[in-house]
PDB file of N, CA and C in Angstrom:
ATOM      1  N   UNK A   1       0.811  -1.147   0.109  1.00  0.00           N
ATOM      2  CA  UNK A   1       0.188  -0.151  -0.031  1.00  0.00           C
ATOM      3  C   UNK A   1       0.900   1.052   0.060  1.00  0.00           C
ATOM      4  N   UNK A   2       0.904   2.077  -0.978  1.00  0.00           N
ATOM      5  CA  UNK A   2       1.469   3.373  -0.997  1.00  0.00           C
ATOM      6  C   UNK A   2       1.198   4.388   0.053  1.00  0.00           C
ATOM      7  N   UNK A   3       2.060   4.777   0.726  1.00  0.00           N
ATOM      8  CA  UNK A   3       1.778   5.959   1.617  1.00  0.00           C
ATOM      9  C   UNK A   3       1.451   7.381   1.325  1.00  0.00           C
ATOM     10  N   UNK A   4       0.944   7.224  -0.132  1.00  0.00           N
ATOM     11  CA  UNK A   4       0.572   8.654  -1.028  1.00  0.00           C
ATOM     12  C   UNK A   4      -0.651   9.272  -0.136  1.00  0.00           C
ATOM     13  N   UNK A   5      -1.701   8.494   0.349  1.00  0.00           N
ATOM     14  CA  UNK A   5      -2.918   9.196   0.801  1.00  0.00           C
ATOM     15  C   UNK A   5      -2.600   9.852   2.154  1.00  0.00           C
ATOM     16  N   UNK A   6      -1.657   9.334   3.219  1.00  0.00           N
ATOM     17  CA  UNK A   6      -1.191   9.532   4.106  1.00  0.00           C
ATOM     18  C   UNK A   6      -0.468  11.193   4.102  1.00  0.00           C
ATOM     19  N   UNK A   7       0.582  10.921   3.325  1.00  0.00           N
ATOM     20  CA  UNK A   7       1.566  11.774   3.164  1.00  0.00           C
ATOM     21  C   UNK A   7       0.578  13.176   2.455  1.00  0.00           C
ATOM     22  N   UNK A   8      -0.312  12.953   1.663  1.00  0.00           N
ATOM     23  CA  UNK A   8      -1.289  13.934   1.098  1.00  0.00           C
ATOM     24  C   UNK A   8      -2.145  14.644   2.157  1.00  0.00           C
ATOM     25  N   UNK A   9      -2.729  14.101   2.960  1.00  0.00           N
ATOM     26  CA  UNK A   9      -3.556  14.234   3.905  1.00  0.00           C
ATOM     27  C   UNK A   9      -2.844  15.363   5.041  1.00  0.00           C
ATOM     28  N   UNK A  10      -1.245  14.900   5.253  1.00  0.00           N
ATOM     29  CA  UNK A  10      -0.604  15.607   5.965  1.00  0.00           C
ATOM     30  C   UNK A  10      -0.171  16.846   5.564  1.00  0.00           C
ATOM     31  N   UNK A  11       0.182  16.727   4.188  1.00  0.00           N
ATOM     32  CA  UNK A  11       0.070  18.074   3.614  1.00  0.00           C
ATOM     33  C   UNK A  11      -1.053  19.016   3.469  1.00  0.00           C
ATOM     34  N   UNK A  12      -2.037  18.451   3.351  1.00  0.00           N
ATOM     35  CA  UNK A  12      -3.336  19.444   3.697  1.00  0.00           C
ATOM     36  C   UNK A  12      -3.561  20.010   4.873  1.00  0.00           C
ATOM     37  N   UNK A  13      -3.400  18.958   5.763  1.00  0.00           N
ATOM     38  CA  UNK A  13      -3.393  19.795   7.317  1.00  0.00           C
ATOM     39  C   UNK A  13      -2.228  20.847   7.514  1.00  0.00           C
ATOM     40  N   UNK A  14      -1.201  20.673   7.156  1.00  0.00           N
ATOM     41  CA  UNK A  14      -0.300  21.849   6.987  1.00  0.00           C
ATOM     42  C   UNK A  14      -0.598  22.915   6.412  1.00  0.00           C
ATOM     43  N   UNK A  15      -1.064  22.427   5.293  1.00  0.00           N
ATOM     44  CA  UNK A  15      -1.368  24.029   4.354  1.00  0.00           C
ATOM     45  C   UNK A  15      -2.293  24.590   4.906  1.00  0.00           C
ATOM     46  N   UNK A  16      -3.702  24.154   5.562  1.00  0.00           N
ATOM     47  CA  UNK A  16      -4.831  24.509   6.251  1.00  0.00           C
ATOM     48  C   UNK A  16      -4.132  25.336   7.462  1.00  0.00           C
ATOM     49  N   UNK A  17      -3.241  24.580   8.321  1.00  0.00           N
ATOM     50  CA  UNK A  17      -2.838  25.463   9.507  1.00  0.00           C
ATOM     51  C   UNK A  17      -2.069  26.811   9.165  1.00  0.00           C
ATOM     52  N   UNK A  18      -1.261  26.564   8.016  1.00  0.00           N
ATOM     53  CA  UNK A  18      -0.393  27.602   7.678  1.00  0.00           C
ATOM     54  C   UNK A  18      -1.521  29.128   7.101  1.00  0.00           C
ATOM     55  N   UNK A  19      -2.465  28.415   6.662  1.00  0.00           N
ATOM     56  CA  UNK A  19      -3.520  29.178   5.866  1.00  0.00           C
ATOM     57  C   UNK A  19      -4.107  30.138   7.126  1.00  0.00           C
ATOM     58  N   UNK A  20      -4.844  29.451   8.239  1.00  0.00           N
ATOM     59  CA  UNK A  20      -5.270  29.858   9.431  1.00  0.00           C
ATOM     60  C   UNK A  20      -4.571  30.923   9.853  1.00  0.00           C
ATOM     61  N   UNK A  21      -3.070  30.527  10.083  1.00  0.00           N
ATOM     62  CA  UNK A  21      -2.223  31.610  10.922  1.00  0.00           C
ATOM     63  C   UNK A  21      -2.225  33.076   9.695  1.00  0.00           C
ATOM     64  N   UNK A  22      -1.996  32.728   8.649  1.00  0.00           N
ATOM     65  CA  UNK A  22      -1.997  33.875   7.845  1.00  0.00           C
ATOM     66  C   UNK A  22      -3.202  34.506   7.952  1.00  0.00           C
ATOM     67  N   UNK A  23      -4.457  33.809   7.983  1.00  0.00           N
ATOM     68  CA  UNK A  23      -5.655  34.741   8.330  1.00  0.00           C
ATOM     69  C   UNK A  23      -5.660  35.510   9.046  1.00  0.00           C
ATOM     70  N   UNK A  24      -5.177  34.698  10.255  1.00  0.00           N
ATOM     71  CA  UNK A  24      -5.265  35.374  11.775  1.00  0.00           C
ATOM     72  C   UNK A  24      -4.216  36.440  11.876  1.00  0.00           C
ATOM     73  N   UNK A  25      -2.991  36.556  11.222  1.00  0.00           N
ATOM     74  CA  UNK A  25      -2.113  37.457  11.323  1.00  0.00           C
ATOM     75  C   UNK A  25      -2.862  38.856  10.370  1.00  0.00           C
ATOM     76  N   UNK A  26      -3.307  38.416   9.248  1.00  0.00           N
ATOM     77  CA  UNK A  26      -3.831  39.513   8.367  1.00  0.00           C
ATOM     78  C   UNK A  26      -5.008  40.126   9.078  1.00  0.00           C
ATOM     79  N   UNK A  27      -5.920  39.469   9.861  1.00  0.00           N
ATOM     80  CA  UNK A  27      -6.840  40.230  10.663  1.00  0.00           C
ATOM     81  C   UNK A  27      -6.337  40.892  11.661  1.00  0.00           C
ATOM     82  N   UNK A  28      -5.149  40.537  12.278  1.00  0.00           N
ATOM     83  CA  UNK A  28      -4.601  41.377  13.183  1.00  0.00           C
ATOM     84  C   UNK A  28      -3.879  42.595  12.585  1.00  0.00           C
ATOM     85  N   UNK A  29      -3.489  42.778  11.344  1.00  0.00           N
ATOM     86  CA  UNK A  29      -3.203  43.741  10.418  1.00  0.00           C
ATOM     87  C   UNK A  29      -1.603  43.894  10.706  1.00  0.00           C
ATOM     88  N   UNK A  30      -0.945  42.608  10.995  1.00  0.00           N
ATOM     89  CA  UNK A  30       0.574  42.359  10.916  1.00  0.00           C
ATOM     90  C   UNK A  30       1.003  42.627   9.418  1.00  0.00           C
ATOM     91  N   UNK A  31       0.582  41.739   8.598  1.00  0.00           N
ATOM     92  CA  UNK A  31       0.506  41.732   6.901  1.00  0.00           C
ATOM     93  C   UNK A  31       0.225  42.991   6.687  1.00  0.00           C
ATOM     94  N   UNK A  32      -0.832  43.383   6.660  1.00  0.00           N
ATOM     95  CA  UNK A  32      -0.987  44.853   6.305  1.00  0.00           C
ATOM     96  C   UNK A  32      -0.398  45.896   6.301  1.00  0.00           C
ATOM     97  N   UNK A  33       0.232  45.930   7.801  1.00  0.00           N
ATOM     98  CA  UNK A  33       1.351  46.938   7.956  1.00  0.00           C
ATOM     99  C   UNK A  33       2.906  46.615   7.326  1.00  0.00           C
ATOM    100  N   UNK A  34       3.027  45.438   7.251  1.00  0.00           N
ATOM    101  CA  UNK A  34       4.161  44.892   6.635  1.00  0.00           C
ATOM    102  C   UNK A  34       4.306  45.565   5.210  1.00  0.00           C
ATOM    103  N   UNK A  35       3.136  45.243   4.281  1.00  0.00           N
ATOM    104  CA  UNK A  35       2.648  45.567   3.067  1.00  0.00           C
ATOM    105  C   UNK A  35       3.027  47.168   2.768  1.00  0.00           C
ATOM    106  N   UNK A  36       2.701  47.998   3.762  1.00  0.00           N
ATOM    107  CA  UNK A  36       2.243  49.474   3.886  1.00  0.00           C
ATOM    108  C   UNK A  36       3.997  49.869   3.943  1.00  0.00           C
ATOM    109  N   UNK A  37       4.681  49.026   4.875  1.00  0.00           N
ATOM    110  CA  UNK A  37       5.988  49.625   5.081  1.00  0.00           C
ATOM    111  C   UNK A  37       7.040  49.371   3.884  1.00  0.00           C
ATOM    112  N   UNK A  38       6.692  47.833   3.221  1.00  0.00           N
ATOM    113  CA  UNK A  38       7.713  47.534   1.986  1.00  0.00           C
ATOM    114  C   UNK A  38       7.317  48.311   0.593  1.00  0.00           C
ATOM    115  N   UNK A  39       5.843  48.665   0.788  1.00  0.00           N
ATOM    116  CA  UNK A  39       5.171  49.237  -0.430  1.00  0.00           C
ATOM    117  C   UNK A  39       4.725  50.523  -0.164  1.00  0.00           C
ATOM    118  N   UNK A  40       5.304  51.555   0.232  1.00  0.00           N
ATOM    119  CA  UNK A  40       4.517  52.896   0.288  1.00  0.00           C
ATOM    120  C   UNK A  40       3.866  53.834  -0.916  1.00  0.00           C
ATOM    121  N   UNK A  41       4.546  53.280  -1.984  1.00  0.00           N
ATOM    122  CA  UNK A  41       3.969  54.008  -3.186  1.00  0.00           C
ATOM    123  C   UNK A  41       2.509  53.755  -3.335  1.00  0.00           C
ATOM    124  N   UNK A  42       2.239  52.448  -3.189  1.00  0.00           N
ATOM    125  CA  UNK A  42       0.935  51.906  -3.301  1.00  0.00           C
ATOM    126  C   UNK A  42      -0.043  52.585  -2.574  1.00  0.00           C
ATOM    127  N   UNK A  43      -0.083  53.233  -1.720  1.00  0.00           N
ATOM    128  CA  UNK A  43      -0.792  53.844  -0.577  1.00  0.00           C
ATOM    129  C   UNK A  43      -0.941  55.286  -0.897  1.00  0.00           C
TER     130      UNK A  43
END
């Protein structure tokens, strides 16, 4: 039995976890502030 489903499932869990962390930080405004500092010309 190939371990592909297990690896795929673990990868999906990791991706979802990172996405939730990204959304949480975006909600806090950390990423938005970083983008404003890096790209002041956009604003």
